[in-house]
């Protein structure tokens, strides 16, 4: 499968450089000014797209602070908060969407969002987003997927936690509802994720299994995992993004800073460029380097009729003489005429 998908004028596919998405999430820390600064920084870092999330606490969960509605896991970044309070801290006010999208477009990025319910999809349609993203925790919400797919716009789905059977249902639902341009992102839904728990060998398998474009939603630190994913065929890379982790915020601990995002854009493109094609032999650029190969050279002045020995015939650089594989054939034979040290061996010198 080798399809090109147009997302807001950016071409996504194996014939094009990786599509890098900066995910703002809740890193705006409830400040529109900071949100717009994040947009500016993402653009300056070279990111191709800016993604936010569209929901309200009441569309995500219930206003309860007990049982499964309360985060008690001592290892969680968000321990001690109710789900409702967490989403209230992290959500992007809907009235901010238009100015954020406008600023992103002004800076040459494709702005879009992750909707979490049908009302969010309707709202985003009014804002004319170029594509949609489904988060890992919603990848089994088939009614939501059908709603988004029915827009006919490109759809990116994170695959975190989903089994093959669940993904099959998800992909079928999207396609049957009208989505022709589908991208699946390998994702590990831990925050942060470790490289050892990322399993990016799944990326080419996803492409083969579902016949979609593929990528990575990366929650690891640094750029190494993302760069490696491109070598395995990822055409989309999504990373959480903030101005500075030290500023705090619900997702800051596993978000990239501007210099890191700039490195990600550069290094993923280098990885893509390096893929090339299956190639053996000298490339056009390497032809001039052939002269520096080893070859057989006369290592001492010789008189006509003298015998070639290890002392007077050696395999050295450069490469203008006969290949070294012929040295045993030449040994013991005589030189046809006088030759000077530094003469490349050729067949016409052998008697």
Foldseek 3Di string as FASTA:
>chain_A
DFDWAAFPNDTFTLVDFFQEEAEAFQQCQPPLVQLLVQLVLLLVLPHAAYEYADDALVLPDDPDCDDPQAACPPPALDHPGGSSVQRNRGHDPLVSVLVSCVSNVVSNHQYDYEYDDLVRLVSVVVVVHQEYEHECVCLQVLVRLLSRLLVQHEYEYENEPHDPVSNVSSLVSSVVSRHPAYEYAQEHPDAQDAPVPRPLLCFLVCCVVRVHAYAHAHQAPAQVVRLVSVLNRHRYYYFHAHQALVVDTSRSVRGDHSVRSSVNSVSSSVSSVVNPDDDDDDDPVCPVVLQFAWAKFQAAWDAFFDFDDCNGIDTHDGDPAHHPVCPVVRGGFTFHGTDHGGHHHDPNRTD
